[in-house]
Amino acid sequence: MKIAIYGYGNLGRGVEAAAQQNADVELTGVFTRRDPAGVKTRTGVPVYPAAEVAAHKDEIDVLIICGGSATDLPEMTPALAKQFNVIDSFDHHAVIPEHFAAVNAAAEEGGNLALISCGWDPGLFSLNRLIANSVLPEGRDYTFWGRGVSQGHSDAIRRIEGVLDARQYTVPVEEAVKAVRNGENPELTTRQKHLRECYVVAEEGADLERITREIVTMPDYFADYDTTVEFITAEELQEKHAGLPHGGVVIRSGKTGIDREHNETIEFSLKLDSNPEFTSSVLVAYARAVCRMAGRGRTGCITVFDVAPADLSPKTPEEIRRTML
């Protein structure tokens, strides 16, 4: 499978690393909106201008789009899906249906296959929610993220005028997690489940009150949460917030039995040292599935719900049955 990276930030560098761990994957190039002369890849893979990606169509089975969900992917993925089989990690949950529709129309027009919203949430967590709902039809879902850095939310802050850099931490409310694990099945609002902590490096002379207001009132990202904003120096950000850890848990608590007398809990959790590297590893595995499904003639837009687990693995069906079933 020949893949290429479109966008060489944290996620793009993670895809480059993940490609080295998969023997059936060949990374043919990186495409960037920056000056390629100033971009040095870790593995020596060639770097090209993003505007020239169409000229390399024959060298790419799947193009992995590594842009931000706030402004990049809504434009990039539909445009590129007209020319390539693509995959993205669009994580703006509230508008996934609109993104799906736009990408589906573009991919169908080009006769290509596009997989959107792939990663761990949306992505692996989504799959576990679907499975748990199917297994325990009478129950309640809970998803807690963090404590960790949200790349999408951090990117959204960085797009605000006057912001040089930022890190946003999603923090579960401990009392809420304990209540769920105790089987109390609480009804929790968005605000009762998570806090959001923002550490922001602002331009000299920037209006800090305006920046704070734009953050805490940002629809879908911060408006529904208790959010704190702290302004720090670039040196402090690098010293204390250089890493990109994350993780979380999906829990479904339900009942079984004729009289619903038994409590059952399904829990799936992740603890990640590197959010972008893990997300990139998921993208590469699902890129394999996109390549295989496109080879079977599938077109349009799909999500992780449409992918057979066997298509993720480089192993043969016989090997999977023998070693994993």
C-alpha atoms as a PDB file:
ATOM      1  CA  MET A   1       0.000   0.000   0.000  1.00  0.00           C
ATOM      2  CA  LYS A   2       1.390   3.380  -1.011  1.00  0.00           C
ATOM      3  CA  ILE A   3       0.353   6.243   1.229  1.00  0.00           C
ATOM      4  CA  ALA A   4       1.182   9.942   1.299  1.00  0.00           C
ATOM      5  CA  ILE A   5       0.800  12.601   3.980  1.00  0.00           C
ATOM      6  CA  TYR A   6      -1.001  15.884   3.332  1.00  0.00           C
ATOM      7  CA  GLY A   7       0.062  18.251   6.103  1.00  0.00           C
ATOM      8  CA  TYR A   8       3.196  17.788   8.180  1.00  0.00           C
ATOM      9  CA  GLY A   9       2.382  18.824  11.743  1.00  0.00           C
ATOM     10  CA  ASN A  10       2.172  16.597  14.817  1.00  0.00           C
ATOM     11  CA  LEU A  11      -0.268  14.226  13.127  1.00  0.00           C
ATOM     12  CA  GLY A  12       1.713  14.067   9.886  1.00  0.00           C
ATOM     13  CA  ARG A  13       4.906  13.257  11.746  1.00  0.00           C
ATOM     14  CA  GLY A  14       3.000  10.551  13.620  1.00  0.00           C
ATOM     15  CA  VAL A  15       1.868   8.974  10.339  1.00  0.00           C
ATOM     16  CA  GLU A  16       5.470   8.998   9.161  1.00  0.00           C
ATOM     17  CA  ALA A  17       6.499   7.096  12.294  1.00  0.00           C
ATOM     18  CA  ALA A  18       3.577   4.646  12.059  1.00  0.00           C
ATOM     19  CA  ALA A  19       4.414   3.842   8.449  1.00  0.00           C
ATOM     20  CA  GLN A  20       7.788   2.527   9.609  1.00  0.00           C
ATOM     21  CA  GLN A  21       6.069  -0.069  11.804  1.00  0.00           C
ATOM     22  CA  ASN A  22       3.964  -1.562   9.014  1.00  0.00           C
ATOM     23  CA  ALA A  23       5.864  -3.722   6.545  1.00  0.00           C
ATOM     24  CA  ASP A  24       3.120  -3.507   3.914  1.00  0.00           C
ATOM     25  CA  VAL A  25       3.131   0.318   3.882  1.00  0.00           C
ATOM     26  CA  GLU A  26       5.260   2.526   1.659  1.00  0.00           C
ATOM     27  CA  LEU A  27       5.292   6.265   2.380  1.00  0.00           C
ATOM     28  CA  THR A  28       5.817   7.955  -0.972  1.00  0.00           C
ATOM     29  CA  GLY A  29       5.797  11.611   0.020  1.00  0.00           C
ATOM     30  CA  VAL A  30       4.738  14.498   2.204  1.00  0.00           C
ATOM     31  CA  PHE A  31       2.735  17.430   0.840  1.00  0.00           C
ATOM     32  CA  THR A  32       2.870  20.738   2.674  1.00  0.00           C
ATOM     33  CA  ARG A  33       1.519  24.267   2.328  1.00  0.00           C
ATOM     34  CA  ARG A  34       4.837  25.533   3.678  1.00  0.00           C
ATOM     35  CA  ASP A  35       7.975  25.956   1.590  1.00  0.00           C
ATOM     36  CA  PRO A  36       9.168  22.346   1.069  1.00  0.00           C
ATOM     37  CA  ALA A  37      12.780  23.521   1.256  1.00  0.00           C
ATOM     38  CA  GLY A  38      12.205  24.360   4.914  1.00  0.00           C
ATOM     39  CA  VAL A  39      10.560  21.051   5.850  1.00  0.00           C
ATOM     40  CA  LYS A  40      12.825  18.163   6.816  1.00  0.00           C
ATOM     41  CA  THR A  41      11.220  14.787   7.379  1.00  0.00           C
ATOM     42  CA  ARG A  42      12.540  12.386   9.986  1.00  0.00           C
ATOM     43  CA  THR A  43      12.901   9.479   7.544  1.00  0.00           C
ATOM     44  CA  GLY A  44      14.081  11.357   4.479  1.00  0.00           C
ATOM     45  CA  VAL A  45      10.833  10.897   2.544  1.00  0.00           C
ATOM     46  CA  PRO A  46      10.533  13.605  -0.165  1.00  0.00           C
ATOM     47  CA  VAL A  47       8.529  16.764   0.498  1.00  0.00           C
ATOM     48  CA  TYR A  48       6.420  18.443  -2.185  1.00  0.00           C
ATOM     49  CA  PRO A  49       4.253  21.572  -2.390  1.00  0.00           C
ATOM     50  CA  ALA A  50       0.633  20.842  -1.527  1.00  0.00           C
ATOM     51  CA  ALA A  51      -0.429  22.461  -4.791  1.00  0.00           C
ATOM     52  CA  GLU A  52       1.360  19.712  -6.738  1.00  0.00           C
ATOM     53  CA  VAL A  53      -0.381  16.747  -5.119  1.00  0.00           C
ATOM     54  CA  ALA A  54      -2.497  15.962  -8.201  1.00  0.00           C
ATOM     55  CA  ALA A  55       0.660  15.332 -10.226  1.00  0.00           C
ATOM     56  CA  HIS A  56       1.502  12.407  -7.921  1.00  0.00           C
ATOM     57  CA  LYS A  57      -1.845  10.642  -8.169  1.00  0.00           C
ATOM     58  CA  ASP A  58      -0.372   7.457  -9.639  1.00  0.00           C
ATOM     59  CA  GLU A  59       2.014   7.135  -6.679  1.00  0.00           C
ATOM     60  CA  ILE A  60      -0.680   7.199  -3.973  1.00  0.00           C
ATOM     61  CA  ASP A  61      -3.182   4.509  -3.001  1.00  0.00           C
ATOM     62  CA  VAL A  62      -4.467   6.448   0.020  1.00  0.00           C
ATOM     63  CA  LEU A  63      -3.818  10.081   0.927  1.00  0.00           C
ATOM     64  CA  ILE A  64      -3.845  10.675   4.686  1.00  0.00           C
ATOM     65  CA  ILE A  65      -5.016  14.233   5.356  1.00  0.00           C
ATOM     66  CA  CYS A  66      -3.413  15.641   8.502  1.00  0.00           C
ATOM     67  CA  GLY A  67      -5.134  18.997   8.941  1.00  0.00           C
ATOM     68  CA  GLY A  68      -7.107  20.621  11.707  1.00  0.00           C
ATOM     69  CA  SER A  69     -10.836  20.066  12.100  1.00  0.00           C
ATOM     70  CA  ALA A  70     -11.696  23.698  12.744  1.00  0.00           C
ATOM     71  CA  THR A  71     -10.930  25.099   9.282  1.00  0.00           C
ATOM     72  CA  ASP A  72      -8.670  22.738   7.312  1.00  0.00           C
ATOM     73  CA  LEU A  73     -10.528  19.465   6.920  1.00  0.00           C
ATOM     74  CA  PRO A  74     -13.944  20.878   5.959  1.00  0.00           C
ATOM     75  CA  GLU A  75     -12.251  22.263   2.829  1.00  0.00           C
ATOM     76  CA  MET A  76      -9.363  19.843   2.287  1.00  0.00           C
ATOM     77  CA  THR A  77     -11.148  16.511   2.498  1.00  0.00           C
ATOM     78  CA  PRO A  78     -13.925  17.181  -0.049  1.00  0.00           C
ATOM     79  CA  ALA A  79     -11.455  18.797  -2.449  1.00  0.00           C
ATOM     80  CA  LEU A  80      -8.958  15.944  -2.245  1.00  0.00           C
ATOM     81  CA  ALA A  81     -11.608  13.195  -2.261  1.00  0.00           C
ATOM     82  CA  LYS A  82     -12.398  14.161  -5.846  1.00  0.00           C
ATOM     83  CA  GLN A  83      -8.897  13.025  -6.840  1.00  0.00           C
ATOM     84  CA  PHE A  84      -7.760  10.441  -4.276  1.00  0.00           C
ATOM     85  CA  ASN A  85      -8.840   7.760  -1.869  1.00  0.00           C
ATOM     86  CA  VAL A  86      -8.517   9.685   1.395  1.00  0.00           C
ATOM     87  CA  ILE A  87      -8.798   9.407   5.144  1.00  0.00           C
ATOM     88  CA  ASP A  88      -9.075  12.149   7.777  1.00  0.00           C
ATOM     89  CA  SER A  89      -9.447  12.545  11.542  1.00  0.00           C
ATOM     90  CA  PHE A  90     -12.230  15.156  11.566  1.00  0.00           C
ATOM     91  CA  ASP A  91     -13.253  15.379  15.225  1.00  0.00           C
ATOM     92  CA  HIS A  92     -15.874  18.139  15.371  1.00  0.00           C
ATOM     93  CA  HIS A  93     -18.572  15.731  16.564  1.00  0.00           C
ATOM     94  CA  ALA A  94     -21.489  18.126  16.230  1.00  0.00           C
ATOM     95  CA  VAL A  95     -21.064  18.627  12.486  1.00  0.00           C
ATOM     96  CA  ILE A  96     -19.873  15.180  11.365  1.00  0.00           C
ATOM     97  CA  PRO A  97     -23.129  14.599   9.396  1.00  0.00           C
ATOM     98  CA  GLU A  98     -22.531  17.759   7.348  1.00  0.00           C
ATOM     99  CA  HIS A  99     -18.881  16.846   6.767  1.00  0.00           C
ATOM    100  CA  PHE A 100     -19.917  13.333   5.726  1.00  0.00           C
ATOM    101  CA  ALA A 101     -22.395  14.685   3.176  1.00  0.00           C
ATOM    102  CA  ALA A 102     -19.862  17.048   1.611  1.00  0.00           C
ATOM    103  CA  VAL A 103     -17.151  14.402   1.395  1.00  0.00           C
ATOM    104  CA  ASN A 104     -19.547  11.739   0.112  1.00  0.00           C
ATOM    105  CA  ALA A 105     -20.634  13.944  -2.794  1.00  0.00           C
ATOM    106  CA  ALA A 106     -17.023  14.733  -3.698  1.00  0.00           C
ATOM    107  CA  ALA A 107     -15.809  11.131  -3.448  1.00  0.00           C
ATOM    108  CA  GLU A 108     -18.715   9.820  -5.515  1.00  0.00           C
ATOM    109  CA  GLU A 109     -17.997  12.462  -8.160  1.00  0.00           C
ATOM    110  CA  GLY A 110     -14.386  11.326  -8.385  1.00  0.00           C
ATOM    111  CA  GLY A 111     -15.081   7.604  -8.064  1.00  0.00           C
ATOM    112  CA  ASN A 112     -12.973   7.430  -4.914  1.00  0.00           C
ATOM    113  CA  LEU A 113     -13.370   6.168  -1.348  1.00  0.00           C
ATOM    114  CA  ALA A 114     -13.092   8.489   1.651  1.00  0.00           C
ATOM    115  CA  LEU A 115     -13.083   7.568   5.337  1.00  0.00           C
ATOM    116  CA  ILE A 116     -13.707  10.452   7.746  1.00  0.00           C
ATOM    117  CA  SER A 117     -13.521  10.977  11.507  1.00  0.00           C
ATOM    118  CA  CYS A 118     -10.987   8.231  12.082  1.00  0.00           C
ATOM    119  CA  GLY A 119      -8.860   8.109  15.213  1.00  0.00           C
ATOM    120  CA  TRP A 120      -9.736   7.156  18.767  1.00  0.00           C
ATOM    121  CA  ASP A 121     -12.638   9.538  19.342  1.00  0.00           C
ATOM    122  CA  PRO A 122     -14.283   9.721  16.951  1.00  0.00           C
ATOM    123  CA  GLY A 123     -13.032   6.319  15.844  1.00  0.00           C
ATOM    124  CA  LEU A 124     -12.258   3.492  18.257  1.00  0.00           C
ATOM    125  CA  PHE A 125     -14.457   4.978  20.979  1.00  0.00           C
ATOM    126  CA  SER A 126     -17.277   5.284  18.446  1.00  0.00           C
ATOM    127  CA  LEU A 127     -16.998   1.582  17.627  1.00  0.00           C
ATOM    128  CA  ASN A 128     -17.125   0.654  21.282  1.00  0.00           C
ATOM    129  CA  ARG A 129     -20.205   2.801  21.826  1.00  0.00           C
ATOM    130  CA  LEU A 130     -21.915   1.038  18.922  1.00  0.00           C
ATOM    131  CA  ILE A 131     -20.963  -2.442  20.115  1.00  0.00           C
ATOM    132  CA  ALA A 132     -21.928  -1.741  23.729  1.00  0.00           C
ATOM    133  CA  ASN A 133     -25.303  -0.297  22.687  1.00  0.00           C
ATOM    134  CA  SER A 134     -25.988  -3.367  20.572  1.00  0.00           C
ATOM    135  CA  VAL A 135     -25.029  -5.798  23.339  1.00  0.00           C
ATOM    136  CA  LEU A 136     -26.814  -3.927  26.148  1.00  0.00           C
ATOM    137  CA  PRO A 137     -29.859  -2.293  24.519  1.00  0.00           C
ATOM    138  CA  GLU A 138     -31.169  -1.193  27.913  1.00  0.00           C
ATOM    139  CA  GLY A 139     -28.497   0.990  29.427  1.00  0.00           C
ATOM    140  CA  ARG A 140     -26.714   4.315  29.428  1.00  0.00           C
ATOM    141  CA  ASP A 141     -23.527   5.540  27.727  1.00  0.00           C
ATOM    142  CA  TYR A 142     -20.765   7.571  29.323  1.00  0.00           C
ATOM    143  CA  THR A 143     -17.639   8.894  27.635  1.00  0.00           C
ATOM    144  CA  PHE A 144     -14.888  10.614  29.568  1.00  0.00           C
ATOM    145  CA  TRP A 145     -11.811  12.117  27.894  1.00  0.00           C
ATOM    146  CA  GLY A 146      -8.469  12.940  29.490  1.00  0.00           C
ATOM    147  CA  ARG A 147      -6.797  14.303  31.394  1.00  0.00           C
ATOM    148  CA  GLY A 148      -5.035  15.133  28.179  1.00  0.00           C
ATOM    149  CA  VAL A 149      -4.276  17.595  25.407  1.00  0.00           C
ATOM    150  CA  SER A 150      -6.964  17.899  22.751  1.00  0.00           C
ATOM    151  CA  GLN A 151      -5.276  18.664  19.427  1.00  0.00           C
ATOM    152  CA  GLY A 152      -8.484  19.876  17.806  1.00  0.00           C
ATOM    153  CA  HIS A 153      -9.390  22.222  20.653  1.00  0.00           C
ATOM    154  CA  SER A 154      -5.823  23.507  20.919  1.00  0.00           C
ATOM    155  CA  ASP A 155      -5.861  24.189  17.185  1.00  0.00           C
ATOM    156  CA  ALA A 156      -9.160  26.045  17.501  1.00  0.00           C
ATOM    157  CA  ILE A 157      -7.616  28.361  20.098  1.00  0.00           C
ATOM    158  CA  ARG A 158      -4.550  28.964  17.943  1.00  0.00           C
ATOM    159  CA  ARG A 159      -6.825  30.210  15.140  1.00  0.00           C
ATOM    160  CA  ILE A 160      -7.974  33.118  17.326  1.00  0.00           C
ATOM    161  CA  GLU A 161      -6.447  36.477  16.420  1.00  0.00           C
ATOM    162  CA  GLY A 162      -3.660  37.391  18.815  1.00  0.00           C
ATOM    163  CA  VAL A 163      -2.829  33.802  19.868  1.00  0.00           C
ATOM    164  CA  LEU A 164       0.684  32.507  19.159  1.00  0.00           C
ATOM    165  CA  ASP A 165       0.334  29.041  20.690  1.00  0.00           C
ATOM    166  CA  ALA A 166      -1.953  27.118  23.025  1.00  0.00           C
ATOM    167  CA  ARG A 167      -2.601  23.843  24.794  1.00  0.00           C
ATOM    168  CA  GLN A 168      -6.059  22.751  25.878  1.00  0.00           C
ATOM    169  CA  TYR A 169      -6.510  19.994  28.462  1.00  0.00           C
ATOM    170  CA  THR A 170      -9.738  18.055  28.749  1.00  0.00           C
ATOM    171  CA  VAL A 171     -10.227  16.969  32.364  1.00  0.00           C
ATOM    172  CA  PRO A 172     -12.857  14.472  33.576  1.00  0.00           C
ATOM    173  CA  VAL A 173     -14.832  15.452  36.666  1.00  0.00           C
ATOM    174  CA  GLU A 174     -13.742  12.783  39.154  1.00  0.00           C
ATOM    175  CA  GLU A 175     -17.031  12.659  41.034  1.00  0.00           C
ATOM    176  CA  ALA A 176     -18.901  11.901  37.813  1.00  0.00           C
ATOM    177  CA  VAL A 177     -16.556   9.052  36.857  1.00  0.00           C
ATOM    178  CA  LYS A 178     -16.857   7.508  40.312  1.00  0.00           C
ATOM    179  CA  ALA A 179     -20.647   7.649  40.202  1.00  0.00           C
ATOM    180  CA  VAL A 180     -20.723   5.852  36.838  1.00  0.00           C
ATOM    181  CA  ARG A 181     -18.317   3.120  37.935  1.00  0.00           C
ATOM    182  CA  ASN A 182     -20.355   2.634  41.112  1.00  0.00           C
ATOM    183  CA  GLY A 183     -23.365   1.750  38.973  1.00  0.00           C
ATOM    184  CA  GLU A 184     -25.364   4.817  39.977  1.00  0.00           C
ATOM    185  CA  ASN A 185     -26.273   5.595  36.335  1.00  0.00           C
ATOM    186  CA  PRO A 186     -26.351   9.357  36.922  1.00  0.00           C
ATOM    187  CA  GLU A 187     -27.835  11.775  34.413  1.00  0.00           C
ATOM    188  CA  LEU A 188     -24.957  14.086  33.610  1.00  0.00           C
ATOM    189  CA  THR A 189     -24.881  17.275  31.590  1.00  0.00           C
ATOM    190  CA  THR A 190     -21.915  18.113  29.380  1.00  0.00           C
ATOM    191  CA  ARG A 191     -20.713  20.578  32.008  1.00  0.00           C
ATOM    192  CA  GLN A 192     -20.901  17.980  34.786  1.00  0.00           C
ATOM    193  CA  LYS A 193     -18.649  15.507  32.961  1.00  0.00           C
ATOM    194  CA  HIS A 194     -15.597  17.559  31.939  1.00  0.00           C
ATOM    195  CA  LEU A 195     -13.599  20.676  32.615  1.00  0.00           C
ATOM    196  CA  ARG A 196     -11.461  22.453  30.027  1.00  0.00           C
ATOM    197  CA  GLU A 197      -8.126  24.045  30.937  1.00  0.00           C
ATOM    198  CA  CYS A 198      -6.531  26.388  28.387  1.00  0.00           C
ATOM    199  CA  TYR A 199      -2.930  27.600  28.470  1.00  0.00           C
ATOM    200  CA  VAL A 200      -2.384  30.377  25.960  1.00  0.00           C
ATOM    201  CA  VAL A 201       0.633  32.278  24.631  1.00  0.00           C
ATOM    202  CA  ALA A 202      -0.584  35.615  23.305  1.00  0.00           C
ATOM    203  CA  GLU A 203       1.050  38.181  21.076  1.00  0.00           C
ATOM    204  CA  GLU A 204       2.540  41.170  22.855  1.00  0.00           C
ATOM    205  CA  GLY A 205      -0.165  43.773  23.306  1.00  0.00           C
ATOM    206  CA  ALA A 206      -3.012  41.411  22.420  1.00  0.00           C
ATOM    207  CA  ASP A 207      -6.409  41.963  23.994  1.00  0.00           C
ATOM    208  CA  LEU A 208      -6.437  39.194  26.597  1.00  0.00           C
ATOM    209  CA  GLU A 209     -10.034  39.810  27.645  1.00  0.00           C
ATOM    210  CA  ARG A 210     -11.210  39.433  24.041  1.00  0.00           C
ATOM    211  CA  ILE A 211      -9.203  36.231  23.564  1.00  0.00           C
ATOM    212  CA  THR A 212     -10.615  34.776  26.781  1.00  0.00           C
ATOM    213  CA  ARG A 213     -14.142  35.692  25.758  1.00  0.00           C
ATOM    214  CA  GLU A 214     -13.726  34.138  22.301  1.00  0.00           C
ATOM    215  CA  ILE A 215     -12.460  30.917  23.859  1.00  0.00           C
ATOM    216  CA  VAL A 216     -15.078  30.413  26.556  1.00  0.00           C
ATOM    217  CA  THR A 217     -17.969  31.279  24.223  1.00  0.00           C
ATOM    218  CA  MET A 218     -16.787  29.191  21.233  1.00  0.00           C
ATOM    219  CA  PRO A 219     -19.761  27.012  20.173  1.00  0.00           C
ATOM    220  CA  ASP A 220     -19.297  23.215  20.311  1.00  0.00           C
ATOM    221  CA  TYR A 221     -15.736  23.551  21.639  1.00  0.00           C
ATOM    222  CA  PHE A 222     -15.953  25.468  24.952  1.00  0.00           C
ATOM    223  CA  ALA A 223     -19.337  27.144  25.431  1.00  0.00           C
ATOM    224  CA  ASP A 224     -20.916  24.133  27.165  1.00  0.00           C
ATOM    225  CA  TYR A 225     -18.045  23.541  29.613  1.00  0.00           C
ATOM    226  CA  ASP A 226     -16.546  25.166  32.684  1.00  0.00           C
ATOM    227  CA  THR A 227     -13.430  26.569  31.026  1.00  0.00           C
ATOM    228  CA  THR A 228     -10.380  28.257  32.536  1.00  0.00           C
ATOM    229  CA  VAL A 229      -7.916  30.331  30.509  1.00  0.00           C
ATOM    230  CA  GLU A 230      -4.394  31.042  31.735  1.00  0.00           C
ATOM    231  CA  PHE A 231      -1.929  33.171  29.777  1.00  0.00           C
ATOM    232  CA  ILE A 232       1.675  32.008  29.991  1.00  0.00           C
ATOM    233  CA  THR A 233       4.984  32.607  28.199  1.00  0.00           C
ATOM    234  CA  ALA A 234       6.228  30.560  25.267  1.00  0.00           C
ATOM    235  CA  GLU A 235       9.046  29.297  27.483  1.00  0.00           C
ATOM    236  CA  GLU A 236       6.604  28.108  30.137  1.00  0.00           C
ATOM    237  CA  LEU A 237       4.476  26.370  27.519  1.00  0.00           C
ATOM    238  CA  GLN A 238       7.516  24.515  26.202  1.00  0.00           C
ATOM    239  CA  GLU A 239       8.734  23.628  29.687  1.00  0.00           C
ATOM    240  CA  LYS A 240       5.466  22.445  31.198  1.00  0.00           C
ATOM    241  CA  HIS A 241       3.193  21.575  28.273  1.00  0.00           C
ATOM    242  CA  ALA A 242       5.408  20.237  25.464  1.00  0.00           C
ATOM    243  CA  GLY A 243       3.980  16.728  25.569  1.00  0.00           C
ATOM    244  CA  LEU A 244       0.726  15.577  24.001  1.00  0.00           C
ATOM    245  CA  PRO A 245      -0.693  12.936  26.373  1.00  0.00           C
ATOM    246  CA  HIS A 246      -4.332  11.930  26.317  1.00  0.00           C
ATOM    247  CA  GLY A 247      -6.720   9.051  26.845  1.00  0.00           C
ATOM    248  CA  GLY A 248     -10.137   8.326  28.177  1.00  0.00           C
ATOM    249  CA  VAL A 249     -12.816   5.761  28.785  1.00  0.00           C
ATOM    250  CA  VAL A 250     -16.098   4.645  27.244  1.00  0.00           C
ATOM    251  CA  ILE A 251     -18.507   3.023  29.690  1.00  0.00           C
ATOM    252  CA  ARG A 252     -21.945   1.523  29.132  1.00  0.00           C
ATOM    253  CA  SER A 253     -23.918   0.431  32.152  1.00  0.00           C
ATOM    254  CA  GLY A 254     -26.924  -1.768  31.483  1.00  0.00           C
ATOM    255  CA  LYS A 255     -29.256  -4.498  32.673  1.00  0.00           C
ATOM    256  CA  THR A 256     -29.828  -8.125  31.688  1.00  0.00           C
ATOM    257  CA  GLY A 257     -32.323 -10.757  32.745  1.00  0.00           C
ATOM    258  CA  ILE A 258     -36.086 -11.194  32.449  1.00  0.00           C
ATOM    259  CA  ASP A 259     -36.603  -8.825  35.368  1.00  0.00           C
ATOM    260  CA  ARG A 260     -33.547  -6.697  34.550  1.00  0.00           C
ATOM    261  CA  GLU A 261     -32.095  -7.960  37.818  1.00  0.00           C
ATOM    262  CA  HIS A 262     -28.417  -8.033  36.814  1.00  0.00           C
ATOM    263  CA  ASN A 263     -26.138  -5.032  36.356  1.00  0.00           C
ATOM    264  CA  GLU A 264     -23.611  -5.260  33.515  1.00  0.00           C
ATOM    265  CA  THR A 265     -20.818  -2.832  32.619  1.00  0.00           C
ATOM    266  CA  ILE A 266     -18.744  -2.588  29.466  1.00  0.00           C
ATOM    267  CA  GLU A 267     -15.640  -0.402  29.640  1.00  0.00           C
ATOM    268  CA  PHE A 268     -12.991   0.454  27.045  1.00  0.00           C
ATOM    269  CA  SER A 269     -10.102   2.710  28.005  1.00  0.00           C
ATOM    270  CA  LEU A 270      -6.969   4.249  26.546  1.00  0.00           C
ATOM    271  CA  LYS A 271      -3.943   5.815  28.222  1.00  0.00           C
ATOM    272  CA  LEU A 272      -1.702   7.553  25.714  1.00  0.00           C
ATOM    273  CA  ASP A 273       1.731   9.122  26.023  1.00  0.00           C
ATOM    274  CA  SER A 274       1.303  10.643  22.566  1.00  0.00           C
ATOM    275  CA  ASN A 275      -2.136  11.525  21.276  1.00  0.00           C
ATOM    276  CA  PRO A 276      -0.986  12.345  17.708  1.00  0.00           C
ATOM    277  CA  GLU A 277       1.193   9.252  17.366  1.00  0.00           C
ATOM    278  CA  PHE A 278      -1.590   6.949  18.523  1.00  0.00           C
ATOM    279  CA  THR A 279      -4.151   8.698  16.318  1.00  0.00           C
ATOM    280  CA  SER A 280      -1.736   8.350  13.407  1.00  0.00           C
ATOM    281  CA  SER A 281      -1.382   4.639  14.085  1.00  0.00           C
ATOM    282  CA  VAL A 282      -5.156   4.286  13.862  1.00  0.00           C
ATOM    283  CA  LEU A 283      -5.169   6.253  10.595  1.00  0.00           C
ATOM    284  CA  VAL A 284      -2.568   3.982   8.995  1.00  0.00           C
ATOM    285  CA  ALA A 285      -4.479   0.841   9.971  1.00  0.00           C
ATOM    286  CA  TYR A 286      -7.696   2.246   8.536  1.00  0.00           C
ATOM    287  CA  ALA A 287      -5.869   3.453   5.428  1.00  0.00           C
ATOM    288  CA  ARG A 288      -5.157  -0.222   4.770  1.00  0.00           C
ATOM    289  CA  ALA A 289      -8.888  -0.907   4.932  1.00  0.00           C
ATOM    290  CA  VAL A 290      -9.616   2.011   2.591  1.00  0.00           C
ATOM    291  CA  CYS A 291      -7.113   0.629   0.085  1.00  0.00           C
ATOM    292  CA  ARG A 292      -8.684  -2.827   0.212  1.00  0.00           C
ATOM    293  CA  MET A 293     -12.270  -1.614   0.028  1.00  0.00           C
ATOM    294  CA  ALA A 294     -11.479   0.754  -2.842  1.00  0.00           C
ATOM    295  CA  GLY A 295      -9.903  -2.180  -4.627  1.00  0.00           C
ATOM    296  CA  ARG A 296     -13.211  -3.995  -4.319  1.00  0.00           C
ATOM    297  CA  GLY A 297     -14.999  -1.071  -5.967  1.00  0.00           C
ATOM    298  CA  ARG A 298     -16.378   0.805  -2.942  1.00  0.00           C
ATOM    299  CA  THR A 299     -16.787   4.560  -3.466  1.00  0.00           C
ATOM    300  CA  GLY A 300     -18.228   7.494  -1.558  1.00  0.00           C
ATOM    301  CA  CYS A 301     -17.752   8.327   2.107  1.00  0.00           C
ATOM    302  CA  ILE A 302     -17.600   5.836   4.977  1.00  0.00           C
ATOM    303  CA  THR A 303     -16.796   5.831   8.699  1.00  0.00           C
ATOM    304  CA  VAL A 304     -15.254   3.278  11.040  1.00  0.00           C
ATOM    305  CA  PHE A 305     -18.719   1.716  11.376  1.00  0.00           C
ATOM    306  CA  ASP A 306     -18.513   0.522   7.761  1.00  0.00           C
ATOM    307  CA  VAL A 307     -15.134  -1.208   8.008  1.00  0.00           C
ATOM    308  CA  ALA A 308     -14.782  -4.934   8.688  1.00  0.00           C
ATOM    309  CA  PRO A 309     -12.157  -5.473  11.414  1.00  0.00           C
ATOM    310  CA  ALA A 310     -10.277  -7.993   9.274  1.00  0.00           C
ATOM    311  CA  ASP A 311      -9.553  -5.259   6.720  1.00  0.00           C
ATOM    312  CA  LEU A 312      -7.461  -3.421   9.310  1.00  0.00           C
ATOM    313  CA  SER A 313      -4.917  -6.208   9.687  1.00  0.00           C
ATOM    314  CA  PRO A 314      -1.963  -7.018   7.430  1.00  0.00           C
ATOM    315  CA  LYS A 315      -2.439 -10.672   8.391  1.00  0.00           C
ATOM    316  CA  THR A 316      -4.333 -13.132   6.234  1.00  0.00           C
ATOM    317  CA  PRO A 317      -7.820 -14.260   7.306  1.00  0.00           C
ATOM    318  CA  GLU A 318      -6.327 -17.661   8.178  1.00  0.00           C
ATOM    319  CA  GLU A 319      -3.691 -16.055  10.422  1.00  0.00           C
ATOM    320  CA  ILE A 320      -6.285 -13.899  12.143  1.00  0.00           C
ATOM    321  CA  ARG A 321      -8.547 -16.865  12.890  1.00  0.00           C
ATOM    322  CA  ARG A 322      -5.635 -18.953  14.156  1.00  0.00           C
ATOM    323  CA  THR A 323      -4.009 -16.326  16.375  1.00  0.00           C
ATOM    324  CA  MET A 324      -6.799 -13.998  17.508  1.00  0.00           C
ATOM    325  CA  LEU A 325     -10.143 -15.781  17.484  1.00  0.00           C
END
